Protein backbone atom coordinates (compact mmCIF):
# COMPACT_ATOMS: atom_id res chain seq x y z
CA MET A 1 101.67 2.08 7.32
CA THR A 2 99.13 4.22 9.28
CA LYS A 3 99.54 7.56 9.03
CA HIS A 4 97.93 10.63 10.95
CA ILE A 5 96.33 12.99 8.88
CA GLN A 6 94.70 15.79 10.67
CA LYS A 7 95.82 16.88 14.17
CA GLY A 8 93.71 18.39 16.80
CA THR A 9 89.82 18.23 17.07
CA TYR A 10 87.85 19.71 14.28
CA TYR A 11 84.45 19.39 12.40
CA ALA A 12 82.71 17.23 9.26
CA VAL A 13 79.75 18.51 8.05
CA ILE A 14 77.72 14.72 6.69
CA PHE A 15 76.00 15.96 3.72
CA THR A 16 73.70 12.92 2.46
CA ALA A 17 70.47 13.39 -0.13
CA LYS A 18 68.13 11.49 -2.40
CA GLN A 19 68.95 13.16 -5.93
CA SER A 20 65.60 13.69 -7.78
CA ASP A 21 64.91 13.25 -11.49
CA ASN A 22 65.54 17.05 -12.20
CA THR A 23 69.66 17.27 -13.15
CA GLU A 24 69.40 20.69 -14.70
CA GLY A 25 72.39 22.87 -13.74
CA TYR A 26 73.08 20.57 -10.89
CA ALA A 27 76.46 19.51 -11.94
CA GLU A 28 77.48 22.76 -12.80
CA MET A 29 76.92 24.16 -8.74
CA THR A 30 78.17 21.21 -7.26
CA LYS A 31 81.32 22.33 -9.47
CA LYS A 32 81.01 25.51 -8.04
CA MET A 33 80.21 24.93 -4.80
CA THR A 34 83.40 22.99 -4.17
CA GLU A 35 85.44 25.29 -6.41
CA LEU A 36 83.97 28.37 -3.74
CA SER A 37 84.17 26.30 -0.15
CA LYS A 38 87.79 25.66 -0.88
CA ASN A 39 88.43 29.68 -0.81
CA GLN A 40 86.38 29.85 2.89
CA LYS A 41 88.60 30.03 6.01
CA GLY A 42 88.82 27.28 8.09
CA PHE A 43 87.81 24.53 5.19
CA ILE A 44 89.70 21.75 5.53
CA GLY A 45 89.22 19.11 2.67
CA ILE A 46 86.02 17.52 0.54
CA GLU A 47 85.07 14.05 -0.11
CA SER A 48 82.27 13.23 -1.93
CA VAL A 49 80.57 9.46 -3.43
CA GLN A 50 77.19 9.42 -5.85
CA GLU A 51 76.22 6.28 -6.91
CA ASN A 52 72.18 6.15 -8.47
CA LYS A 53 70.49 8.71 -7.36
CA ASN A 54 72.20 8.80 -3.67
CA GLU A 55 74.64 11.43 -2.47
CA ILE A 56 77.08 11.55 0.82
CA THR A 57 79.71 14.58 0.39
CA VAL A 58 81.76 14.89 3.78
CA SER A 59 83.73 18.44 4.37
CA TYR A 60 86.20 19.12 7.39
CA TRP A 61 86.39 22.44 8.88
CA GLU A 62 88.23 23.80 11.64
CA THR A 63 85.60 25.59 13.76
CA MET A 64 82.48 25.49 14.07
CA GLU A 65 82.64 28.87 13.67
CA ASP A 66 83.63 28.19 10.02
CA ILE A 67 80.76 25.88 9.39
CA ARG A 68 78.74 28.82 10.13
CA ALA A 69 80.56 31.20 7.80
CA TRP A 70 80.14 28.96 5.13
CA SER A 71 75.85 27.80 5.88
CA MET A 72 75.64 31.87 5.77
CA ASN A 73 77.68 32.39 2.80
CA GLU A 74 75.09 33.59 -0.09
CA ARG A 75 75.79 31.82 -2.95
CA HIS A 76 76.03 28.66 -0.95
CA ILE A 77 72.60 29.78 0.15
CA GLU A 78 71.29 29.98 -3.80
CA ALA A 79 72.97 26.48 -4.00
CA LYS A 80 70.88 25.19 -0.76
CA ASP A 81 67.67 26.98 -1.99
CA GLY A 82 68.20 25.08 -5.77
CA GLY A 83 68.61 21.31 -4.02
CA LYS A 84 65.30 22.01 -2.21
CA ASP A 85 63.24 23.59 -5.29
CA LYS A 86 64.70 20.75 -7.66
CA TRP A 87 67.69 18.58 -7.41
CA TYR A 88 66.60 16.86 -4.02
CA ASP A 89 63.79 14.75 -3.16
CA SER A 90 65.32 14.76 0.88
CA PHE A 91 68.33 15.12 2.36
CA THR A 92 70.10 15.15 6.12
CA VAL A 93 72.77 17.83 7.47
CA ARG A 94 75.15 16.26 10.30
CA ILE A 95 77.96 17.97 11.61
CA CYS A 96 80.23 16.55 13.91
CA GLU A 97 83.41 16.72 15.92
CA ILE A 98 86.14 14.60 14.66
CA LYS A 99 88.77 13.83 18.07
CA ARG A 100 90.98 11.55 16.45
CA GLU A 101 91.92 10.29 12.87
CA TYR A 102 94.22 7.83 11.98
CA ALA A 103 94.31 5.92 8.23
CA PHE A 104 95.95 3.38 6.27
CA GLY A 105 97.75 3.01 2.87
CA LYS A 106 100.38 2.06 0.47
């Protein structure tokens, strides 16, 4: 069965990263950021996959303004700084507009 999930245009923030060897505090911060993002205006959902030291996290937002507000959240800024200082060797953030979505599932 193919189904439509989200109506209208919305946005995705795609975060890809290569994790460093320093994992101290990383799991706790990830959990905090996931919970905090869920309470932000315009948040739709999040998907994340980690394998070895590679990470891909995609968060979905109603508007670009919602993404900007999330990026300016003080606790999110602290987490980003921690990522730069200790948890990631490198990362890339991509922001995309999603115009159409469909899914298959049983």
